[in-house]
PDB file of N, CA and C in Angstrom:
ATOM      1  N   MET A   1     -13.248   0.072  99.862  1.00  0.00           N
ATOM      2  CA  MET A   1     -12.272   1.786 100.324  1.00  0.00           C
ATOM      3  C   MET A   1     -11.125   1.362  99.181  1.00  0.00           C
ATOM      4  N   GLY A   2     -11.199   2.538  98.514  1.00  0.00           N
ATOM      5  CA  GLY A   2      -9.554   2.672  97.965  1.00  0.00           C
ATOM      6  C   GLY A   2      -8.580   3.035  98.211  1.00  0.00           C
ATOM      7  N   GLY A   3      -9.195   4.001  99.371  1.00  0.00           N
ATOM      8  CA  GLY A   3      -7.708   4.885  99.526  1.00  0.00           C
ATOM      9  C   GLY A   3      -8.577   5.915 101.168  1.00  0.00           C
ATOM     10  N   ILE A   4      -7.330   6.445 101.944  1.00  0.00           N
ATOM     11  CA  ILE A   4      -7.370   6.991 102.817  1.00  0.00           C
ATOM     12  C   ILE A   4      -8.498   7.962 102.542  1.00  0.00           C
ATOM     13  N   GLN A   5      -9.498   8.452 103.130  1.00  0.00           N
ATOM     14  CA  GLN A   5     -10.805   9.469 102.750  1.00  0.00           C
ATOM     15  C   GLN A   5      -9.695  11.263 103.613  1.00  0.00           C
ATOM     16  N   ALA A   6     -10.542  11.618 103.005  1.00  0.00           N
ATOM     17  CA  ALA A   6      -9.215  13.433 103.166  1.00  0.00           C
ATOM     18  C   ALA A   6      -9.103  13.628 104.409  1.00  0.00           C
ATOM     19  N   PRO A   7      -9.934  13.490 105.075  1.00  0.00           N
ATOM     20  CA  PRO A   7      -9.854  14.599 106.396  1.00  0.00           C
ATOM     21  C   PRO A   7      -9.142  13.631 107.513  1.00  0.00           C
ATOM     22  N   LEU A   8      -9.037  12.433 106.961  1.00  0.00           N
ATOM     23  CA  LEU A   8      -8.321  11.607 107.601  1.00  0.00           C
ATOM     24  C   LEU A   8      -7.017  11.702 107.363  1.00  0.00           C
ATOM     25  N   SER A   9      -6.201  11.902 105.959  1.00  0.00           N
ATOM     26  CA  SER A   9      -4.990  12.041 105.440  1.00  0.00           C
ATOM     27  C   SER A   9      -4.906  13.542 106.340  1.00  0.00           C
ATOM     28  N   TYR A  10      -5.760  14.611 105.978  1.00  0.00           N
ATOM     29  CA  TYR A  10      -5.235  15.563 107.167  1.00  0.00           C
ATOM     30  C   TYR A  10      -4.571  15.772 108.378  1.00  0.00           C
ATOM     31  N   LEU A  11      -5.638  14.825 109.217  1.00  0.00           N
ATOM     32  CA  LEU A  11      -5.544  14.639 110.038  1.00  0.00           C
ATOM     33  C   LEU A  11      -3.723  13.984 110.523  1.00  0.00           C
ATOM     34  N   LEU A  12      -3.659  12.759 109.588  1.00  0.00           N
ATOM     35  CA  LEU A  12      -1.980  11.918 109.735  1.00  0.00           C
ATOM     36  C   LEU A  12      -0.888  12.924 109.557  1.00  0.00           C
ATOM     37  N   ILE A  13      -1.558  14.004 108.308  1.00  0.00           N
ATOM     38  CA  ILE A  13      -0.335  14.477 108.306  1.00  0.00           C
ATOM     39  C   ILE A  13       0.185  15.440 108.801  1.00  0.00           C
ATOM     40  N   ALA A  14      -0.430  16.405 109.435  1.00  0.00           N
ATOM     41  CA  ALA A  14      -0.858  17.233 110.952  1.00  0.00           C
ATOM     42  C   ALA A  14       0.167  16.746 112.155  1.00  0.00           C
ATOM     43  N   CYS A  15      -0.722  15.720 112.333  1.00  0.00           N
ATOM     44  CA  CYS A  15       0.077  14.091 113.423  1.00  0.00           C
ATOM     45  C   CYS A  15       1.535  14.200 113.267  1.00  0.00           C
ATOM     46  N   GLY A  16       1.701  13.542 111.892  1.00  0.00           N
ATOM     47  CA  GLY A  16       3.354  13.579 111.530  1.00  0.00           C
ATOM     48  C   GLY A  16       4.342  15.000 111.672  1.00  0.00           C
ATOM     49  N   VAL A  17       3.345  16.236 110.804  1.00  0.00           N
ATOM     50  CA  VAL A  17       4.352  17.286 111.512  1.00  0.00           C
ATOM     51  C   VAL A  17       4.536  17.456 112.745  1.00  0.00           C
ATOM     52  N   ALA A  18       3.521  17.253 113.805  1.00  0.00           N
ATOM     53  CA  ALA A  18       3.495  17.858 114.686  1.00  0.00           C
ATOM     54  C   ALA A  18       4.624  17.267 115.850  1.00  0.00           C
ATOM     55  N   THR A  19       5.016  15.439 115.768  1.00  0.00           N
ATOM     56  CA  THR A  19       5.721  14.352 115.983  1.00  0.00           C
ATOM     57  C   THR A  19       6.808  14.947 115.528  1.00  0.00           C
ATOM     58  N   THR A  20       7.610  15.464 114.065  1.00  0.00           N
ATOM     59  CA  THR A  20       8.594  15.451 113.654  1.00  0.00           C
ATOM     60  C   THR A  20       9.064  17.291 114.340  1.00  0.00           C
ATOM     61  N   VAL A  21       8.536  17.938 114.419  1.00  0.00           N
ATOM     62  CA  VAL A  21       8.644  18.976 115.067  1.00  0.00           C
ATOM     63  C   VAL A  21       8.804  18.640 116.648  1.00  0.00           C
ATOM     64  N   LEU A  22       8.064  18.101 117.633  1.00  0.00           N
ATOM     65  CA  LEU A  22       8.207  17.521 119.012  1.00  0.00           C
ATOM     66  C   LEU A  22       9.789  16.997 118.821  1.00  0.00           C
ATOM     67  N   ILE A  23       9.685  15.781 117.972  1.00  0.00           N
ATOM     68  CA  ILE A  23      11.489  15.178 118.182  1.00  0.00           C
ATOM     69  C   ILE A  23      12.831  15.978 118.062  1.00  0.00           C
ATOM     70  N   VAL A  24      12.503  16.855 116.447  1.00  0.00           N
ATOM     71  CA  VAL A  24      13.520  17.889 116.552  1.00  0.00           C
ATOM     72  C   VAL A  24      13.677  19.004 117.910  1.00  0.00           C
ATOM     73  N   LEU A  25      12.059  19.377 118.073  1.00  0.00           N
ATOM     74  CA  LEU A  25      12.534  20.394 119.835  1.00  0.00           C
ATOM     75  C   LEU A  25      13.267  19.375 121.113  1.00  0.00           C
ATOM     76  N   VAL A  26      12.640  18.170 121.099  1.00  0.00           N
ATOM     77  CA  VAL A  26      13.286  17.294 122.288  1.00  0.00           C
ATOM     78  C   VAL A  26      14.430  17.083 121.877  1.00  0.00           C
ATOM     79  N   ILE A  27      15.267  16.823 120.684  1.00  0.00           N
ATOM     80  CA  ILE A  27      17.179  17.123 120.761  1.00  0.00           C
ATOM     81  C   ILE A  27      17.443  18.248 121.232  1.00  0.00           C
ATOM     82  N   TYR A  28      16.503  19.383 120.193  1.00  0.00           N
ATOM     83  CA  TYR A  28      17.624  20.633 120.401  1.00  0.00           C
ATOM     84  C   TYR A  28      17.342  20.646 122.283  1.00  0.00           C
ATOM     85  N   GLY A  29      16.658  20.597 123.196  1.00  0.00           N
ATOM     86  CA  GLY A  29      16.614  20.700 124.501  1.00  0.00           C
ATOM     87  C   GLY A  29      17.223  19.798 124.993  1.00  0.00           C
ATOM     88  N   ASN A  30      17.787  18.641 124.802  1.00  0.00           N
ATOM     89  CA  ASN A  30      18.450  17.862 125.010  1.00  0.00           C
ATOM     90  C   ASN A  30      19.794  17.624 125.055  1.00  0.00           C
ATOM     91  N   SER A  31      20.308  18.373 123.356  1.00  0.00           N
ATOM     92  CA  SER A  31      22.147  19.416 123.496  1.00  0.00           C
ATOM     93  C   SER A  31      21.830  20.795 124.052  1.00  0.00           C
ATOM     94  N   LEU A  32      20.668  21.172 124.806  1.00  0.00           N
ATOM     95  CA  LEU A  32      21.014  22.837 125.321  1.00  0.00           C
ATOM     96  C   LEU A  32      21.353  21.627 127.117  1.00  0.00           C
ATOM     97  N   SER A  33      21.049  20.981 127.248  1.00  0.00           N
ATOM     98  CA  SER A  33      20.705  20.424 129.006  1.00  0.00           C
ATOM     99  C   SER A  33      22.246  19.601 129.194  1.00  0.00           C
ATOM    100  N   VAL A  34      22.920  19.359 127.729  1.00  0.00           N
ATOM    101  CA  VAL A  34      24.292  19.175 127.798  1.00  0.00           C
ATOM    102  C   VAL A  34      25.169  20.334 128.326  1.00  0.00           C
ATOM    103  N   ARG A  35      25.139  20.653 127.962  1.00  0.00           N
ATOM    104  CA  ARG A  35      25.958  22.365 128.541  1.00  0.00           C
ATOM    105  C   ARG A  35      25.717  23.206 129.831  1.00  0.00           C
ATOM    106  N   GLU A  36      24.581  22.699 130.217  1.00  0.00           N
ATOM    107  CA  GLU A  36      24.100  23.143 131.969  1.00  0.00           C
ATOM    108  C   GLU A  36      24.308  22.364 132.606  1.00  0.00           C
ATOM    109  N   GLU A  37      25.751  22.869 133.978  1.00  0.00           N
ATOM    110  CA  GLU A  37      25.883  22.039 134.816  1.00  0.00           C
ATOM    111  C   GLU A  37      25.211  22.729 136.100  1.00  0.00           C
ATOM    112  N   ASP A  38      25.146  21.141 136.782  1.00  0.00           N
ATOM    113  CA  ASP A  38      24.266  21.346 138.061  1.00  0.00           C
ATOM    114  C   ASP A  38      25.209  22.639 139.052  1.00  0.00           C
ATOM    115  N   GLN A  39      26.355  22.489 139.142  1.00  0.00           N
ATOM    116  CA  GLN A  39      27.180  23.275 140.335  1.00  0.00           C
ATOM    117  C   GLN A  39      28.658  23.380 139.027  1.00  0.00           C
ATOM    118  N   ILE A  40      28.975  25.225 139.584  1.00  0.00           N
ATOM    119  CA  ILE A  40      29.330  25.118 138.639  1.00  0.00           C
ATOM    120  C   ILE A  40      30.793  26.350 139.317  1.00  0.00           C
ATOM    121  N   TYR A  41      31.597  26.270 139.598  1.00  0.00           N
ATOM    122  CA  TYR A  41      33.022  26.874 140.194  1.00  0.00           C
ATOM    123  C   TYR A  41      33.660  27.727 139.824  1.00  0.00           C
ATOM    124  N   LEU A  42      33.561  29.042 139.932  1.00  0.00           N
ATOM    125  CA  LEU A  42      34.148  29.894 139.169  1.00  0.00           C
ATOM    126  C   LEU A  42      34.987  30.710 140.375  1.00  0.00           C
ATOM    127  N   ASN A  43      35.839  31.344 139.835  1.00  0.00           N
ATOM    128  CA  ASN A  43      36.275  32.336 141.066  1.00  0.00           C
ATOM    129  C   ASN A  43      35.701  33.416 139.997  1.00  0.00           C
ATOM    130  N   LYS A  44      36.020  35.299 140.980  1.00  0.00           N
ATOM    131  CA  LYS A  44      35.483  35.763 141.049  1.00  0.00           C
ATOM    132  C   LYS A  44      35.852  37.143 139.765  1.00  0.00           C
ATOM    133  N   GLY A  45      36.511  36.377 138.921  1.00  0.00           N
ATOM    134  CA  GLY A  45      36.198  37.118 137.539  1.00  0.00           C
ATOM    135  C   GLY A  45      35.827  36.476 136.785  1.00  0.00           C
ATOM    136  N   ASP A  46      35.654  34.947 136.693  1.00  0.00           N
ATOM    137  CA  ASP A  46      34.823  34.488 135.795  1.00  0.00           C
ATOM    138  C   ASP A  46      33.793  34.777 136.113  1.00  0.00           C
ATOM    139  N   GLU A  47      33.188  34.760 137.318  1.00  0.00           N
ATOM    140  CA  GLU A  47      31.629  34.206 137.932  1.00  0.00           C
ATOM    141  C   GLU A  47      30.564  35.348 137.178  1.00  0.00           C
ATOM    142  N   ALA A  48      31.013  37.137 136.743  1.00  0.00           N
ATOM    143  CA  ALA A  48      29.938  37.476 136.489  1.00  0.00           C
ATOM    144  C   ALA A  48      29.889  37.141 134.614  1.00  0.00           C
ATOM    145  N   MET A  49      30.731  37.022 134.089  1.00  0.00           N
ATOM    146  CA  MET A  49      30.279  36.178 132.931  1.00  0.00           C
ATOM    147  C   MET A  49      29.283  34.894 133.016  1.00  0.00           C
ATOM    148  N   MET A  50      29.990  33.795 133.142  1.00  0.00           N
ATOM    149  CA  MET A  50      29.676  32.820 133.350  1.00  0.00           C
ATOM    150  C   MET A  50      28.020  32.724 134.083  1.00  0.00           C
ATOM    151  N   ALA A  51      28.187  32.962 135.079  1.00  0.00           N
ATOM    152  CA  ALA A  51      26.553  32.845 135.905  1.00  0.00           C
ATOM    153  C   ALA A  51      25.649  33.729 134.715  1.00  0.00           C
ATOM    154  N   ALA A  52      25.747  34.526 134.405  1.00  0.00           N
ATOM    155  CA  ALA A  52      25.369  35.290 133.211  1.00  0.00           C
ATOM    156  C   ALA A  52      24.498  34.050 132.339  1.00  0.00           C
ATOM    157  N   ASP A  53      25.379  33.363 131.061  1.00  0.00           N
ATOM    158  CA  ASP A  53      25.438  32.425 130.632  1.00  0.00           C
ATOM    159  C   ASP A  53      24.585  31.596 131.312  1.00  0.00           C
ATOM    160  N   GLN A  54      25.181  31.144 132.323  1.00  0.00           N
ATOM    161  CA  GLN A  54      23.942  29.763 132.977  1.00  0.00           C
ATOM    162  C   GLN A  54      22.599  30.352 133.209  1.00  0.00           C
ATOM    163  N   ARG A  55      22.402  31.872 133.740  1.00  0.00           N
ATOM    164  CA  ARG A  55      21.276  32.312 133.743  1.00  0.00           C
ATOM    165  C   ARG A  55      20.663  31.889 132.619  1.00  0.00           C
ATOM    166  N   THR A  56      21.373  32.867 130.848  1.00  0.00           N
ATOM    167  CA  THR A  56      20.337  32.746 130.061  1.00  0.00           C
ATOM    168  C   THR A  56      20.377  31.310 129.359  1.00  0.00           C
ATOM    169  N   LEU A  57      20.455  30.438 129.959  1.00  0.00           N
ATOM    170  CA  LEU A  57      20.743  28.681 129.008  1.00  0.00           C
ATOM    171  C   LEU A  57      18.981  28.282 130.273  1.00  0.00           C
ATOM    172  N   VAL A  58      19.183  27.964 131.509  1.00  0.00           N
ATOM    173  CA  VAL A  58      18.347  27.887 132.333  1.00  0.00           C
ATOM    174  C   VAL A  58      16.941  28.597 131.418  1.00  0.00           C
ATOM    175  N   GLY A  59      17.009  30.061 131.082  1.00  0.00           N
ATOM    176  CA  GLY A  59      15.733  30.623 130.888  1.00  0.00           C
ATOM    177  C   GLY A  59      15.005  29.708 129.480  1.00  0.00           C
ATOM    178  N   LYS A  60      16.690  29.041 128.619  1.00  0.00           N
ATOM    179  CA  LYS A  60      15.793  28.909 127.200  1.00  0.00           C
ATOM    180  C   LYS A  60      15.533  27.953 127.741  1.00  0.00           C
ATOM    181  N   MET A  61      15.842  26.867 128.156  1.00  0.00           N
ATOM    182  CA  MET A  61      15.179  25.538 128.635  1.00  0.00           C
ATOM    183  C   MET A  61      13.913  25.934 129.214  1.00  0.00           C
ATOM    184  N   ASP A  62      14.034  26.468 130.143  1.00  0.00           N
ATOM    185  CA  ASP A  62      12.074  27.168 130.615  1.00  0.00           C
ATOM    186  C   ASP A  62      11.231  27.255 129.357  1.00  0.00           C
ATOM    187  N   ARG A  63      11.764  27.720 128.647  1.00  0.00           N
ATOM    188  CA  ARG A  63      10.667  28.398 127.654  1.00  0.00           C
ATOM    189  C   ARG A  63      10.348  27.083 126.612  1.00  0.00           C
ATOM    190  N   LEU A  64      11.359  26.634 126.369  1.00  0.00           N
ATOM    191  CA  LEU A  64      11.447  25.418 125.624  1.00  0.00           C
ATOM    192  C   LEU A  64      10.782  24.249 126.057  1.00  0.00           C
ATOM    193  N   GLU A  65      11.153  23.995 127.530  1.00  0.00           N
ATOM    194  CA  GLU A  65       9.777  22.905 128.517  1.00  0.00           C
ATOM    195  C   GLU A  65       8.431  23.184 128.444  1.00  0.00           C
ATOM    196  N   LYS A  66       7.817  24.357 127.966  1.00  0.00           N
ATOM    197  CA  LYS A  66       6.950  24.637 128.045  1.00  0.00           C
ATOM    198  C   LYS A  66       6.271  24.440 126.669  1.00  0.00           C
ATOM    199  N   VAL A  67       7.199  24.944 125.282  1.00  0.00           N
ATOM    200  CA  VAL A  67       6.556  24.880 124.295  1.00  0.00           C
ATOM    201  C   VAL A  67       6.608  23.159 123.700  1.00  0.00           C
ATOM    202  N   ILE A  68       7.614  22.216 124.098  1.00  0.00           N
ATOM    203  CA  ILE A  68       7.519  20.829 123.732  1.00  0.00           C
ATOM    204  C   ILE A  68       6.162  20.232 124.946  1.00  0.00           C
ATOM    205  N   PHE A  69       6.072  20.643 126.447  1.00  0.00           N
ATOM    206  CA  PHE A  69       5.219  20.183 126.526  1.00  0.00           C
ATOM    207  C   PHE A  69       3.305  20.333 125.643  1.00  0.00           C
ATOM    208  N   ALA A  70       3.591  21.751 125.078  1.00  0.00           N
ATOM    209  CA  ALA A  70       2.644  22.560 124.555  1.00  0.00           C
ATOM    210  C   ALA A  70       2.473  20.966 123.638  1.00  0.00           C
ATOM    211  N   LEU A  71       3.325  21.013 122.722  1.00  0.00           N
ATOM    212  CA  LEU A  71       3.101  20.273 121.416  1.00  0.00           C
ATOM    213  C   LEU A  71       3.024  18.568 121.440  1.00  0.00           C
ATOM    214  N   ALA A  72       3.113  18.470 122.215  1.00  0.00           N
ATOM    215  CA  ALA A  72       3.290  17.068 123.117  1.00  0.00           C
ATOM    216  C   ALA A  72       1.710  16.543 123.428  1.00  0.00           C
ATOM    217  N   VAL A  73       1.042  17.990 124.019  1.00  0.00           N
ATOM    218  CA  VAL A  73      -0.063  17.589 124.248  1.00  0.00           C
ATOM    219  C   VAL A  73      -1.112  17.862 122.536  1.00  0.00           C
ATOM    220  N   ILE A  74      -0.492  18.808 121.456  1.00  0.00           N
ATOM    221  CA  ILE A  74      -1.274  18.229 120.341  1.00  0.00           C
ATOM    222  C   ILE A  74      -1.093  17.743 119.750  1.00  0.00           C
ATOM    223  N   ALA A  75       0.534  16.297 120.188  1.00  0.00           N
ATOM    224  CA  ALA A  75       0.524  15.794 118.832  1.00  0.00           C
ATOM    225  C   ALA A  75      -0.309  14.734 119.785  1.00  0.00           C
ATOM    226  N   GLY A  76      -0.573  14.490 120.799  1.00  0.00           N
ATOM    227  CA  GLY A  76      -1.679  13.383 121.508  1.00  0.00           C
ATOM    228  C   GLY A  76      -3.303  13.398 120.693  1.00  0.00           C
ATOM    229  N   ILE A  77      -3.310  14.326 120.646  1.00  0.00           N
ATOM    230  CA  ILE A  77      -4.563  14.880 120.915  1.00  0.00           C
ATOM    231  C   ILE A  77      -5.055  14.607 119.088  1.00  0.00           C
ATOM    232  N   LEU A  78      -3.641  14.918 117.916  1.00  0.00           N
ATOM    233  CA  LEU A  78      -4.281  14.764 116.520  1.00  0.00           C
ATOM    234  C   LEU A  78      -3.789  12.766 116.330  1.00  0.00           C
ATOM    235  N   VAL A  79      -3.103  12.718 117.591  1.00  0.00           N
ATOM    236  CA  VAL A  79      -2.663  10.902 117.311  1.00  0.00           C
ATOM    237  C   VAL A  79      -4.521  10.543 117.332  1.00  0.00           C
ATOM    238  N   VAL A  80      -4.847  10.864 118.916  1.00  0.00           N
ATOM    239  CA  VAL A  80      -6.681  10.616 119.405  1.00  0.00           C
ATOM    240  C   VAL A  80      -7.415  10.664 118.351  1.00  0.00           C
ATOM    241  N   ALA A  81      -7.446  12.039 117.673  1.00  0.00           N
ATOM    242  CA  ALA A  81      -8.387  12.202 116.833  1.00  0.00           C
ATOM    243  C   ALA A  81      -8.547  11.571 115.216  1.00  0.00           C
ATOM    244  N   SER A  82      -6.991  11.082 114.917  1.00  0.00           N
ATOM    245  CA  SER A  82      -6.939  10.149 113.537  1.00  0.00           C
ATOM    246  C   SER A  82      -7.477   9.452 114.018  1.00  0.00           C
ATOM    247  N   THR A  83      -7.412   8.365 115.556  1.00  0.00           N
ATOM    248  CA  THR A  83      -7.581   7.218 115.340  1.00  0.00           C
ATOM    249  C   THR A  83      -9.279   7.193 115.211  1.00  0.00           C
ATOM    250  N   ALA A  84      -9.950   7.996 115.833  1.00  0.00           N
ATOM    251  CA  ALA A  84     -10.735   8.300 115.437  1.00  0.00           C
ATOM    252  C   ALA A  84     -11.910   8.372 114.435  1.00  0.00           C
ATOM    253  N   ALA A  85     -10.930   8.938 114.026  1.00  0.00           N
ATOM    254  CA  ALA A  85     -11.900   8.990 112.640  1.00  0.00           C
ATOM    255  C   ALA A  85     -11.270   7.915 111.566  1.00  0.00           C
ATOM    256  N   TRP A  86     -10.464   7.362 112.006  1.00  0.00           N
ATOM    257  CA  TRP A  86      -9.904   5.859 111.022  1.00  0.00           C
ATOM    258  C   TRP A  86     -11.135   4.785 111.486  1.00  0.00           C
ATOM    259  N   ILE A  87     -11.532   4.784 112.993  1.00  0.00           N
ATOM    260  CA  ILE A  87     -12.578   3.933 113.241  1.00  0.00           C
ATOM    261  C   ILE A  87     -14.044   4.289 112.637  1.00  0.00           C
ATOM    262  N   TRP A  88     -14.392   5.549 112.624  1.00  0.00           N
ATOM    263  CA  TRP A  88     -15.809   6.215 112.681  1.00  0.00           C
ATOM    264  C   TRP A  88     -15.817   6.041 111.052  1.00  0.00           C
ATOM    265  N   ILE A  89     -14.465   5.999 110.084  1.00  0.00           N
ATOM    266  CA  ILE A  89     -14.722   5.833 108.663  1.00  0.00           C
ATOM    267  C   ILE A  89     -15.027   3.917 108.058  1.00  0.00           C
ATOM    268  N   GLY A  90     -14.343   3.154 108.987  1.00  0.00           N
ATOM    269  CA  GLY A  90     -14.399   1.963 109.458  1.00  0.00           C
ATOM    270  C   GLY A  90     -15.544   1.591 109.859  1.00  0.00           C
ATOM    271  N   LEU A  91     -16.318   2.249 110.482  1.00  0.00           N
ATOM    272  CA  LEU A  91     -18.152   1.590 111.173  1.00  0.00           C
ATOM    273  C   LEU A  91     -18.841   2.185 110.122  1.00  0.00           C
ATOM    274  N   LYS A  92     -18.382   3.256 109.212  1.00  0.00           N
ATOM    275  CA  LYS A  92     -19.737   3.410 108.582  1.00  0.00           C
ATOM    276  C   LYS A  92     -19.100   2.888 107.426  1.00  0.00           C
TER     277      LYS A  92
END
């Protein structure tokens, strides 16, 4: 075998792209979670502004969690498909 077969190379490229995007999103999610506080102590004047910011931040983190999970599943499927294609090409 001279080189990597075309379907396998496409799978490996897709897997690499999905994993790279996944890593970037995980880093972004961690940077968001640093700004989130478990307990926040506010006086009456700051409560409206800070509470709204905190709710917005938690909403972003919840949406990002769903995207990260879906992308992790896709990356896992691509890894399994790449491995299966590699084995198939090796046995053929």
